[in-house]
Amino acid sequence: MVTSKHELFDENLQEKANLFKALSHPARLQILQFLAEAKTCISGDISDELPLSRTTVNQHLKELKEIGLIQGHIEGSKTNYCLDYNKIAEMKELLGGFLNEFQLPDGFCCK
């Protein structure tokens, strides 16, 4: 039986890795920031707001939808995109918990 290296890690670490991967591109971060600042669903072409082609933006939107950070609802010929606030709250808790695992002693220095 062949096991991928990915399967050697528990589900919690795999979930974190998938989230970090989704957040690892500046275009995806900018899309999330844009939607957060808009405080509403965006109907229309988000690529107008980014220095990327529509095709590239659509690929990044797909990645964000797959991880669940955004939702896209088709209305007529347009898709409305908005943040999934429940998933964002879950992400904040997951990231905060992960970073809190790193407790360094006072005055820690690695030389």
N, C-alpha and C. Protein backbone atom coordinates (compact mmCIF):
# COMPACT_ATOMS: atom_id res chain seq x y z
N MET A 1 0.84 -1.18 0.00
CA MET A 1 0.00 0.00 0.00
C MET A 1 0.89 1.25 0.00
N VAL A 2 0.59 2.17 -0.89
CA VAL A 2 1.37 3.40 -1.01
C VAL A 2 0.65 4.51 -0.24
N THR A 3 1.38 5.18 0.62
CA THR A 3 0.85 6.29 1.40
C THR A 3 1.56 7.56 0.98
N SER A 4 0.76 8.61 0.70
CA SER A 4 1.41 9.88 0.36
C SER A 4 1.92 10.51 1.65
N LYS A 5 2.94 11.33 1.52
CA LYS A 5 3.50 12.00 2.69
C LYS A 5 2.46 12.87 3.38
N HIS A 6 1.53 13.40 2.60
CA HIS A 6 0.46 14.24 3.15
C HIS A 6 -0.36 13.46 4.18
N GLU A 7 -0.59 12.20 3.92
CA GLU A 7 -1.40 11.36 4.80
C GLU A 7 -0.70 10.99 6.11
N LEU A 8 0.58 11.27 6.22
CA LEU A 8 1.33 10.95 7.44
C LEU A 8 1.03 11.92 8.58
N PHE A 9 0.32 13.00 8.28
CA PHE A 9 0.05 14.03 9.28
C PHE A 9 -1.42 14.01 9.66
N ASP A 10 -1.71 14.41 10.91
CA ASP A 10 -3.09 14.35 11.37
C ASP A 10 -3.96 15.37 10.64
N GLU A 11 -5.27 15.18 10.74
CA GLU A 11 -6.23 16.02 10.03
C GLU A 11 -6.11 17.49 10.39
N ASN A 12 -5.84 17.77 11.66
CA ASN A 12 -5.71 19.15 12.11
C ASN A 12 -4.57 19.86 11.38
N LEU A 13 -3.42 19.21 11.26
CA LEU A 13 -2.30 19.82 10.54
C LEU A 13 -2.59 19.94 9.06
N GLN A 14 -3.28 18.96 8.50
CA GLN A 14 -3.64 19.02 7.08
C GLN A 14 -4.59 20.20 6.82
N GLU A 15 -5.53 20.40 7.72
CA GLU A 15 -6.46 21.52 7.59
C GLU A 15 -5.72 22.86 7.63
N LYS A 16 -4.81 22.98 8.58
CA LYS A 16 -4.01 24.21 8.68
C LYS A 16 -3.17 24.42 7.43
N ALA A 17 -2.56 23.37 6.93
CA ALA A 17 -1.72 23.47 5.73
C ALA A 17 -2.55 23.91 4.53
N ASN A 18 -3.75 23.37 4.39
CA ASN A 18 -4.62 23.77 3.28
C ASN A 18 -5.01 25.24 3.39
N LEU A 19 -5.28 25.69 4.60
CA LEU A 19 -5.62 27.09 4.81
C LEU A 19 -4.42 27.98 4.51
N PHE A 20 -3.26 27.61 5.02
CA PHE A 20 -2.05 28.41 4.75
C PHE A 20 -1.76 28.46 3.25
N LYS A 21 -1.99 27.35 2.56
CA LYS A 21 -1.78 27.32 1.11
C LYS A 21 -2.71 28.31 0.41
N ALA A 22 -3.97 28.32 0.84
CA ALA A 22 -4.95 29.24 0.24
C ALA A 22 -4.57 30.70 0.50
N LEU A 23 -3.91 30.95 1.61
CA LEU A 23 -3.51 32.32 1.97
C LEU A 23 -2.12 32.68 1.46
N SER A 24 -1.48 31.78 0.74
CA SER A 24 -0.07 31.97 0.39
C SER A 24 0.17 32.81 -0.86
N HIS A 25 -0.87 33.34 -1.46
CA HIS A 25 -0.67 34.15 -2.66
C HIS A 25 -1.19 35.56 -2.41
N PRO A 26 -0.40 36.58 -2.75
CA PRO A 26 -0.84 37.96 -2.49
C PRO A 26 -2.14 38.33 -3.18
N ALA A 27 -2.43 37.75 -4.33
CA ALA A 27 -3.69 38.07 -5.02
C ALA A 27 -4.88 37.59 -4.20
N ARG A 28 -4.76 36.40 -3.60
CA ARG A 28 -5.86 35.89 -2.78
C ARG A 28 -6.02 36.73 -1.53
N LEU A 29 -4.92 37.17 -0.94
CA LEU A 29 -5.01 38.05 0.22
C LEU A 29 -5.68 39.37 -0.16
N GLN A 30 -5.33 39.90 -1.33
CA GLN A 30 -5.93 41.16 -1.76
C GLN A 30 -7.42 41.00 -2.02
N ILE A 31 -7.82 39.86 -2.58
CA ILE A 31 -9.25 39.61 -2.80
C ILE A 31 -9.98 39.59 -1.46
N LEU A 32 -9.40 38.89 -0.48
CA LEU A 32 -10.02 38.84 0.85
C LEU A 32 -10.11 40.24 1.47
N GLN A 33 -9.05 41.02 1.34
CA GLN A 33 -9.06 42.39 1.87
C GLN A 33 -10.12 43.23 1.18
N PHE A 34 -10.21 43.11 -0.12
CA PHE A 34 -11.19 43.87 -0.89
C PHE A 34 -12.61 43.54 -0.44
N LEU A 35 -12.90 42.25 -0.29
CA LEU A 35 -14.24 41.84 0.14
C LEU A 35 -14.52 42.28 1.57
N ALA A 36 -13.49 42.24 2.42
CA ALA A 36 -13.66 42.67 3.82
C ALA A 36 -13.93 44.16 3.89
N GLU A 37 -13.21 44.94 3.09
CA GLU A 37 -13.40 46.40 3.10
C GLU A 37 -14.75 46.79 2.50
N ALA A 38 -15.22 46.01 1.54
CA ALA A 38 -16.50 46.31 0.89
C ALA A 38 -17.67 46.11 1.85
N LYS A 39 -17.51 45.18 2.80
CA LYS A 39 -18.54 44.88 3.81
C LYS A 39 -19.88 44.53 3.18
N THR A 40 -19.84 44.00 1.97
CA THR A 40 -21.03 43.58 1.27
C THR A 40 -20.63 42.58 0.19
N CYS A 41 -21.59 41.93 -0.41
CA CYS A 41 -21.27 41.06 -1.53
C CYS A 41 -20.98 41.91 -2.76
N ILE A 42 -20.04 41.46 -3.53
CA ILE A 42 -19.63 42.20 -4.73
C ILE A 42 -20.21 41.51 -5.96
N SER A 43 -20.96 42.24 -6.71
CA SER A 43 -21.51 41.72 -7.96
C SER A 43 -20.76 42.40 -9.08
N GLY A 44 -20.17 41.63 -9.92
CA GLY A 44 -19.42 42.22 -11.02
C GLY A 44 -18.03 41.65 -11.08
N ASP A 45 -17.17 42.37 -11.73
CA ASP A 45 -15.85 41.87 -12.03
C ASP A 45 -14.83 42.36 -11.02
N ILE A 46 -14.41 41.47 -10.14
CA ILE A 46 -13.40 41.80 -9.13
C ILE A 46 -12.05 42.08 -9.78
N SER A 47 -11.85 41.57 -10.98
CA SER A 47 -10.56 41.78 -11.65
C SER A 47 -10.32 43.26 -11.96
N ASP A 48 -11.37 44.06 -11.97
CA ASP A 48 -11.20 45.51 -12.15
C ASP A 48 -10.43 46.11 -10.97
N GLU A 49 -10.45 45.44 -9.83
CA GLU A 49 -9.81 45.94 -8.62
C GLU A 49 -8.39 45.42 -8.43
N LEU A 50 -7.96 44.49 -9.28
CA LEU A 50 -6.64 43.86 -9.12
C LEU A 50 -5.81 44.02 -10.38
N PRO A 51 -4.50 44.00 -10.23
CA PRO A 51 -3.62 44.15 -11.40
C PRO A 51 -3.39 42.82 -12.13
N LEU A 52 -4.48 42.03 -12.27
CA LEU A 52 -4.38 40.71 -12.89
C LEU A 52 -5.49 40.54 -13.92
N SER A 53 -5.31 39.58 -14.80
CA SER A 53 -6.33 39.31 -15.80
C SER A 53 -7.55 38.66 -15.16
N ARG A 54 -8.66 38.74 -15.83
CA ARG A 54 -9.91 38.15 -15.33
C ARG A 54 -9.75 36.65 -15.11
N THR A 55 -9.07 35.97 -16.02
CA THR A 55 -8.86 34.52 -15.91
C THR A 55 -8.06 34.19 -14.65
N THR A 56 -7.02 34.95 -14.39
CA THR A 56 -6.18 34.72 -13.21
C THR A 56 -6.98 34.98 -11.94
N VAL A 57 -7.74 36.07 -11.90
CA VAL A 57 -8.55 36.39 -10.74
C VAL A 57 -9.58 35.28 -10.51
N ASN A 58 -10.19 34.79 -11.57
CA ASN A 58 -11.18 33.72 -11.43
C ASN A 58 -10.56 32.47 -10.84
N GLN A 59 -9.32 32.17 -11.19
CA GLN A 59 -8.63 31.01 -10.62
C GLN A 59 -8.41 31.20 -9.12
N HIS A 60 -8.03 32.41 -8.72
CA HIS A 60 -7.83 32.69 -7.30
C HIS A 60 -9.17 32.65 -6.54
N LEU A 61 -10.23 33.16 -7.16
CA LEU A 61 -11.55 33.08 -6.54
C LEU A 61 -11.96 31.62 -6.33
N LYS A 62 -11.65 30.79 -7.30
CA LYS A 62 -11.96 29.36 -7.20
C LYS A 62 -11.24 28.74 -6.01
N GLU A 63 -9.96 29.07 -5.83
CA GLU A 63 -9.18 28.55 -4.70
C GLU A 63 -9.80 28.98 -3.37
N LEU A 64 -10.20 30.23 -3.28
CA LEU A 64 -10.79 30.75 -2.05
C LEU A 64 -12.16 30.12 -1.78
N LYS A 65 -12.92 29.85 -2.85
CA LYS A 65 -14.21 29.18 -2.68
C LYS A 65 -14.01 27.74 -2.21
N GLU A 66 -13.03 27.06 -2.78
CA GLU A 66 -12.79 25.66 -2.42
C GLU A 66 -12.44 25.49 -0.95
N ILE A 67 -11.69 26.43 -0.39
CA ILE A 67 -11.31 26.35 1.02
C ILE A 67 -12.44 26.89 1.90
N GLY A 68 -13.42 27.57 1.28
CA GLY A 68 -14.59 28.03 2.02
C GLY A 68 -14.51 29.44 2.57
N LEU A 69 -13.47 30.19 2.22
CA LEU A 69 -13.33 31.54 2.76
C LEU A 69 -14.27 32.54 2.10
N ILE A 70 -14.68 32.25 0.87
CA ILE A 70 -15.64 33.12 0.20
C ILE A 70 -16.78 32.27 -0.35
N GLN A 71 -17.87 32.95 -0.63
CA GLN A 71 -19.02 32.32 -1.26
C GLN A 71 -19.28 33.04 -2.57
N GLY A 72 -19.73 32.30 -3.55
CA GLY A 72 -20.11 32.91 -4.81
C GLY A 72 -21.49 32.42 -5.20
N HIS A 73 -22.41 33.35 -5.40
CA HIS A 73 -23.79 33.01 -5.74
C HIS A 73 -24.10 33.60 -7.11
N ILE A 74 -24.55 32.78 -8.01
CA ILE A 74 -24.87 33.23 -9.36
C ILE A 74 -26.26 33.85 -9.36
N GLU A 75 -26.31 35.06 -9.91
CA GLU A 75 -27.58 35.77 -10.09
C GLU A 75 -27.59 36.29 -11.52
N GLY A 76 -28.38 35.66 -12.34
CA GLY A 76 -28.42 36.04 -13.75
C GLY A 76 -27.09 35.72 -14.41
N SER A 77 -26.49 36.74 -15.02
CA SER A 77 -25.21 36.54 -15.70
C SER A 77 -24.01 36.91 -14.82
N LYS A 78 -24.27 37.30 -13.58
CA LYS A 78 -23.18 37.71 -12.69
C LYS A 78 -23.10 36.80 -11.48
N THR A 79 -21.93 36.80 -10.87
CA THR A 79 -21.73 36.07 -9.63
C THR A 79 -21.46 37.07 -8.52
N ASN A 80 -22.18 36.93 -7.42
CA ASN A 80 -21.96 37.77 -6.24
C ASN A 80 -20.97 37.05 -5.34
N TYR A 81 -19.89 37.73 -4.98
CA TYR A 81 -18.89 37.16 -4.09
C TYR A 81 -18.91 37.89 -2.76
N CYS A 82 -18.81 37.11 -1.69
CA CYS A 82 -18.69 37.71 -0.37
C CYS A 82 -17.93 36.75 0.55
N LEU A 83 -17.43 37.33 1.64
CA LEU A 83 -16.73 36.51 2.62
C LEU A 83 -17.72 35.59 3.32
N ASP A 84 -17.24 34.42 3.68
CA ASP A 84 -18.01 33.53 4.55
C ASP A 84 -17.55 33.84 5.97
N TYR A 85 -18.32 34.67 6.67
CA TYR A 85 -17.88 35.16 7.98
C TYR A 85 -17.71 34.06 9.00
N ASN A 86 -18.48 32.99 8.90
CA ASN A 86 -18.30 31.86 9.81
C ASN A 86 -16.94 31.20 9.58
N LYS A 87 -16.58 31.02 8.31
CA LYS A 87 -15.29 30.41 7.98
C LYS A 87 -14.14 31.34 8.35
N ILE A 88 -14.33 32.64 8.18
CA ILE A 88 -13.30 33.62 8.56
C ILE A 88 -13.07 33.55 10.07
N ALA A 89 -14.14 33.47 10.85
CA ALA A 89 -14.00 33.37 12.31
C ALA A 89 -13.28 32.07 12.68
N GLU A 90 -13.62 30.99 11.99
CA GLU A 90 -12.95 29.70 12.22
C GLU A 90 -11.47 29.81 11.88
N MET A 91 -11.16 30.50 10.77
CA MET A 91 -9.77 30.67 10.35
C MET A 91 -9.00 31.48 11.40
N LYS A 92 -9.60 32.55 11.90
CA LYS A 92 -8.93 33.37 12.91
C LYS A 92 -8.60 32.55 14.15
N GLU A 93 -9.54 31.72 14.57
CA GLU A 93 -9.32 30.88 15.74
C GLU A 93 -8.23 29.84 15.46
N LEU A 94 -8.27 29.25 14.28
CA LEU A 94 -7.29 28.24 13.90
C LEU A 94 -5.88 28.83 13.84
N LEU A 95 -5.76 29.99 13.19
CA LEU A 95 -4.45 30.63 13.06
C LEU A 95 -3.94 31.12 14.41
N GLY A 96 -4.83 31.74 15.19
CA GLY A 96 -4.44 32.22 16.51
C GLY A 96 -3.99 31.09 17.40
N GLY A 97 -4.73 29.99 17.38
CA GLY A 97 -4.36 28.82 18.19
C GLY A 97 -3.03 28.25 17.76
N PHE A 98 -2.81 28.21 16.46
CA PHE A 98 -1.55 27.68 15.94
C PHE A 98 -0.38 28.54 16.39
N LEU A 99 -0.51 29.84 16.25
CA LEU A 99 0.57 30.75 16.63
C LEU A 99 0.80 30.77 18.13
N ASN A 100 -0.25 30.56 18.90
CA ASN A 100 -0.10 30.52 20.36
C ASN A 100 0.66 29.29 20.84
N GLU A 101 0.80 28.29 19.98
CA GLU A 101 1.56 27.09 20.33
C GLU A 101 3.06 27.39 20.44
N PHE A 102 3.49 28.51 19.88
CA PHE A 102 4.89 28.87 19.88
C PHE A 102 5.19 29.81 21.05
N GLN A 103 5.47 29.25 22.18
CA GLN A 103 5.78 30.03 23.37
C GLN A 103 7.30 30.06 23.52
N LEU A 104 7.89 31.21 23.28
CA LEU A 104 9.34 31.36 23.40
C LEU A 104 9.68 31.91 24.77
N PRO A 105 10.75 31.42 25.36
CA PRO A 105 11.15 31.96 26.67
C PRO A 105 11.60 33.42 26.52
N ASP A 106 11.43 34.20 27.61
CA ASP A 106 11.87 35.59 27.60
C ASP A 106 13.35 35.65 27.24
N GLY A 107 13.69 36.58 26.40
CA GLY A 107 15.10 36.76 26.02
C GLY A 107 15.62 35.68 25.09
N PHE A 108 14.73 34.90 24.48
CA PHE A 108 15.16 33.82 23.59
C PHE A 108 15.94 34.40 22.41
N CYS A 109 17.05 33.79 22.13
CA CYS A 109 17.86 34.20 20.99
C CYS A 109 18.56 32.95 20.47
N CYS A 110 18.45 32.72 19.20
CA CYS A 110 19.09 31.57 18.57
C CYS A 110 20.24 32.09 17.71
N LYS A 111 21.46 31.74 18.08
CA LYS A 111 22.63 32.22 17.33
C LYS A 111 23.35 31.10 16.68
